[in-house]
Amino acid sequence: MNTWPAIYVLDHEGVIRFKDVRGAALDRALDGLLAAMKAN
């Protein structure tokens, strides 16, 4: 059985914001978190 490892995307405070996102969804998740971090 082949499986992908779990991917957890945490914010700058260590809170899990996304789980198992890949490809374009991962790019959007990271772009959104980086933009939010820069706004603060």
N, C-alpha and C. Protein backbone atom coordinates (compact mmCIF):
# COMPACT_ATOMS: atom_id res chain seq x y z
N MET A 1 0.84 -1.18 0.00
CA MET A 1 0.00 0.00 0.00
C MET A 1 0.89 1.24 0.00
N ASN A 2 0.64 2.16 -0.92
CA ASN A 2 1.37 3.41 -0.99
C ASN A 2 0.53 4.53 -0.42
N THR A 3 1.10 5.29 0.47
CA THR A 3 0.39 6.44 1.04
C THR A 3 1.33 7.63 1.09
N TRP A 4 0.74 8.82 1.09
CA TRP A 4 1.50 10.05 1.25
C TRP A 4 1.58 10.39 2.72
N PRO A 5 2.66 10.97 3.14
CA PRO A 5 2.72 11.42 4.54
C PRO A 5 1.74 12.57 4.76
N ALA A 6 1.29 12.73 5.99
CA ALA A 6 0.39 13.83 6.31
C ALA A 6 1.15 15.15 6.23
N ILE A 7 0.48 16.17 5.75
CA ILE A 7 1.07 17.51 5.68
C ILE A 7 0.24 18.41 6.58
N TYR A 8 0.91 19.03 7.54
CA TYR A 8 0.26 19.99 8.43
C TYR A 8 0.89 21.34 8.18
N VAL A 9 0.07 22.35 7.97
CA VAL A 9 0.55 23.71 7.78
C VAL A 9 0.17 24.48 9.03
N LEU A 10 1.21 24.99 9.72
CA LEU A 10 1.01 25.73 10.96
C LEU A 10 1.21 27.21 10.71
N ASP A 11 0.51 28.03 11.49
CA ASP A 11 0.72 29.46 11.39
C ASP A 11 1.91 29.86 12.26
N HIS A 12 2.19 31.15 12.33
CA HIS A 12 3.37 31.63 13.05
C HIS A 12 3.27 31.41 14.56
N GLU A 13 2.08 31.07 15.05
CA GLU A 13 1.90 30.78 16.47
C GLU A 13 1.90 29.29 16.77
N GLY A 14 2.07 28.47 15.73
CA GLY A 14 2.11 27.03 15.91
C GLY A 14 0.76 26.35 15.86
N VAL A 15 -0.28 27.07 15.45
CA VAL A 15 -1.63 26.52 15.34
C VAL A 15 -1.79 25.85 13.98
N ILE A 16 -2.30 24.63 13.97
CA ILE A 16 -2.54 23.92 12.70
C ILE A 16 -3.67 24.63 11.97
N ARG A 17 -3.38 25.11 10.76
CA ARG A 17 -4.38 25.81 9.95
C ARG A 17 -4.88 24.97 8.78
N PHE A 18 -4.05 24.08 8.28
CA PHE A 18 -4.44 23.23 7.15
C PHE A 18 -3.85 21.85 7.35
N LYS A 19 -4.57 20.84 6.88
CA LYS A 19 -4.09 19.46 6.96
C LYS A 19 -4.28 18.79 5.61
N ASP A 20 -3.24 18.09 5.17
CA ASP A 20 -3.28 17.31 3.93
C ASP A 20 -3.62 18.14 2.69
N VAL A 21 -3.03 19.34 2.58
CA VAL A 21 -3.19 20.13 1.36
C VAL A 21 -1.98 19.90 0.48
N ARG A 22 -2.20 19.87 -0.81
CA ARG A 22 -1.11 19.63 -1.76
C ARG A 22 -1.33 20.49 -3.00
N GLY A 23 -0.28 20.64 -3.77
CA GLY A 23 -0.37 21.33 -5.05
C GLY A 23 -0.80 22.77 -4.91
N ALA A 24 -1.74 23.18 -5.75
CA ALA A 24 -2.21 24.56 -5.78
C ALA A 24 -2.87 24.95 -4.46
N ALA A 25 -3.55 24.02 -3.81
CA ALA A 25 -4.18 24.32 -2.51
C ALA A 25 -3.13 24.64 -1.45
N LEU A 26 -2.00 23.96 -1.50
CA LEU A 26 -0.90 24.24 -0.57
C LEU A 26 -0.31 25.62 -0.85
N ASP A 27 -0.14 25.95 -2.11
CA ASP A 27 0.36 27.28 -2.48
C ASP A 27 -0.55 28.38 -1.96
N ARG A 28 -1.87 28.20 -2.15
CA ARG A 28 -2.83 29.20 -1.67
C ARG A 28 -2.81 29.31 -0.15
N ALA A 29 -2.71 28.17 0.53
CA ALA A 29 -2.67 28.17 2.00
C ALA A 29 -1.46 28.95 2.50
N LEU A 30 -0.30 28.68 1.92
CA LEU A 30 0.93 29.36 2.35
C LEU A 30 0.89 30.84 2.00
N ASP A 31 0.41 31.19 0.81
CA ASP A 31 0.31 32.59 0.42
C ASP A 31 -0.60 33.35 1.38
N GLY A 32 -1.71 32.75 1.75
CA GLY A 32 -2.64 33.40 2.67
C GLY A 32 -2.04 33.59 4.05
N LEU A 33 -1.35 32.59 4.56
CA LEU A 33 -0.73 32.71 5.88
C LEU A 33 0.40 33.73 5.88
N LEU A 34 1.19 33.75 4.82
CA LEU A 34 2.26 34.74 4.74
C LEU A 34 1.72 36.17 4.64
N ALA A 35 0.64 36.35 3.89
CA ALA A 35 0.04 37.67 3.78
C ALA A 35 -0.52 38.11 5.13
N ALA A 36 -1.16 37.20 5.84
CA ALA A 36 -1.71 37.52 7.16
C ALA A 36 -0.59 37.86 8.15
N MET A 37 0.51 37.16 8.07
CA MET A 37 1.63 37.41 8.97
C MET A 37 2.26 38.77 8.68
N LYS A 38 2.37 39.13 7.41
CA LYS A 38 2.96 40.41 7.04
C LYS A 38 2.05 41.58 7.44
N ALA A 39 0.73 41.34 7.45
CA ALA A 39 -0.24 42.39 7.78
C ALA A 39 -0.19 42.76 9.27
N ASN A 40 0.31 41.85 10.08
CA ASN A 40 0.37 42.12 11.53
C ASN A 40 1.61 42.80 11.86
